[in-house]
Amino acid sequence: MGFQLLNVITAQDESVLQHYAFDSEHLSIPLDLTAAAAESRFLGSAPDTIVRVLRTENVTSNLHHDGVPPAKFQASKRLTDFFRVISTNLDRKGKEFISTVEGFKCVPLAM
C-alpha cells in the first residue's frame, strides 16, 4: 500500500517493512498522536475539534497486515532524516505500528 511503499522507498531498504506482522485489516481506530503532532504542518494548525476527533474516535481506516514498527523506523537514518512520526497505533493484538508520518526535510535520495 502507499504508506508502506513511501517508507520503503525513502529508507531504500525493504526490511523497514514487516510483512504479515499486524492484525489491522478493516480496523477503524483513533490516532495515538506523538509529541511531534503539535509541531506538524498537517495537524499543528488544525482546529482543536478535529484533533479531538482524530484522538478519540474510530475515524481512521487501517486496511493492512504489513507495516513499519517504531523500532525499524528509528533504526533507519534515511527515515528519521526525512520523516517525523505524527502518530502510532496498536493493532488488535497490541502490536505498535507507525500510522502517520510527515516529511519535514527535503533531502535528495540517491537511487
Protein backbone atom coordinates (compact mmCIF):
# COMPACT_ATOMS: atom_id res chain seq x y z
CA MET A 1 0.00 0.00 0.00
CA GLY A 2 1.07 3.62 -0.40
CA PHE A 3 2.21 4.41 3.12
CA GLN A 4 4.36 1.31 3.31
CA LEU A 5 5.80 1.93 -0.16
CA LEU A 6 6.80 5.51 0.74
CA ASN A 7 8.68 4.22 3.77
CA VAL A 8 10.48 1.50 1.79
CA ILE A 9 11.45 3.92 -1.00
CA THR A 10 12.64 6.57 1.44
CA ALA A 11 14.60 4.09 3.54
CA GLN A 12 15.92 2.38 0.40
CA ASP A 13 15.56 -0.76 2.46
CA GLU A 14 12.62 -3.15 2.29
CA SER A 15 13.46 -4.54 5.73
CA VAL A 16 11.84 -1.50 7.42
CA LEU A 17 8.54 -3.10 6.44
CA GLN A 18 7.34 -6.12 8.40
CA HIS A 19 5.18 -8.40 6.26
CA TYR A 20 2.06 -10.06 7.70
CA ALA A 21 3.04 -8.73 11.13
CA PHE A 22 -0.04 -6.71 12.06
CA ASP A 23 -3.66 -7.56 12.69
CA SER A 24 -5.12 -4.29 11.46
CA GLU A 25 -7.10 -5.12 8.34
CA HIS A 26 -10.53 -3.46 8.38
CA LEU A 27 -9.71 -1.74 11.67
CA SER A 28 -11.01 1.75 12.46
CA ILE A 29 -9.30 3.38 15.45
CA PRO A 30 -8.33 6.82 16.77
CA LEU A 31 -4.76 8.07 16.25
CA ASP A 32 -2.23 7.87 19.08
CA LEU A 33 -0.60 11.24 18.38
CA THR A 34 3.04 11.77 19.25
CA ALA A 35 4.50 14.96 20.73
CA ALA A 36 5.57 15.89 17.18
CA ALA A 37 1.92 16.24 16.16
CA ALA A 38 1.74 19.65 17.84
CA GLU A 39 4.53 20.92 15.55
CA SER A 40 3.10 19.23 12.48
CA ARG A 41 2.12 21.27 9.43
CA PHE A 42 -0.65 18.74 8.93
CA LEU A 43 -2.12 18.77 12.45
CA GLY A 44 -0.40 21.63 14.28
CA SER A 45 -2.80 24.24 12.96
CA ALA A 46 -5.87 22.00 12.84
CA PRO A 47 -8.84 23.12 14.92
CA ASP A 48 -8.99 21.50 18.37
CA THR A 49 -12.27 19.81 17.42
CA ILE A 50 -10.59 17.97 14.53
CA VAL A 51 -7.64 16.89 16.67
CA ARG A 52 -10.02 15.70 19.39
CA VAL A 53 -11.97 13.58 16.89
CA LEU A 54 -8.74 12.07 15.50
CA ARG A 55 -7.53 11.25 19.02
CA THR A 56 -10.77 9.87 20.47
CA GLU A 57 -12.99 8.44 17.74
CA ASN A 58 -12.67 5.45 15.41
CA VAL A 59 -12.21 7.55 12.29
CA THR A 60 -9.01 6.18 10.75
CA SER A 61 -9.24 3.24 8.41
CA ASN A 62 -6.49 0.65 8.53
CA LEU A 63 -6.54 -1.90 5.73
CA HIS A 64 -3.22 -3.64 6.09
CA HIS A 65 -1.28 -6.50 7.61
CA ASP A 66 2.15 -5.12 6.68
CA GLY A 67 3.60 -2.13 8.49
CA VAL A 68 6.55 -0.24 9.87
CA PRO A 69 7.21 -0.83 13.57
CA PRO A 70 8.66 2.11 15.54
CA ALA A 71 11.97 0.33 16.19
CA LYS A 72 12.54 -0.26 12.47
CA PHE A 73 11.64 3.37 11.72
CA GLN A 74 14.03 4.70 14.38
CA ALA A 75 16.83 2.40 13.16
CA SER A 76 16.67 3.89 9.65
CA LYS A 77 18.64 7.13 9.37
CA ARG A 78 17.04 7.78 5.98
CA LEU A 79 13.57 7.64 7.53
CA THR A 80 14.41 9.73 10.60
CA ASP A 81 16.19 12.31 8.42
CA PHE A 82 13.15 12.70 6.16
CA PHE A 83 10.01 11.95 8.19
CA ARG A 84 8.70 12.88 11.60
CA VAL A 85 6.35 10.38 13.27
CA ILE A 86 2.99 12.06 13.90
CA SER A 87 1.10 9.02 15.18
CA THR A 88 1.39 5.37 16.05
CA ASN A 89 -1.30 2.81 16.72
CA LEU A 90 -1.77 -0.62 18.19
CA ASP A 91 -3.23 -3.47 16.17
CA ARG A 92 -5.84 -5.84 17.59
CA LYS A 93 -3.11 -7.81 19.37
CA GLY A 94 -1.42 -4.75 20.87
CA LYS A 95 1.47 -4.58 18.40
CA GLU A 96 2.55 -0.99 17.67
CA PHE A 97 2.94 0.37 14.15
CA ILE A 98 3.66 3.79 12.65
CA SER A 99 0.38 5.20 11.36
CA THR A 100 1.20 8.78 10.29
CA VAL A 101 4.43 10.43 9.20
CA GLU A 102 5.15 13.86 7.80
CA GLY A 103 8.07 14.88 5.66
CA PHE A 104 9.97 17.73 7.28
CA LYS A 105 13.16 17.99 5.30
CA CYS A 106 13.86 17.67 1.61
CA VAL A 107 16.93 15.58 1.02
CA PRO A 108 17.99 14.08 -2.29
CA LEU A 109 17.52 10.32 -2.44
CA ALA A 110 20.27 8.54 -4.30
CA MET A 111 18.97 5.72 -6.45
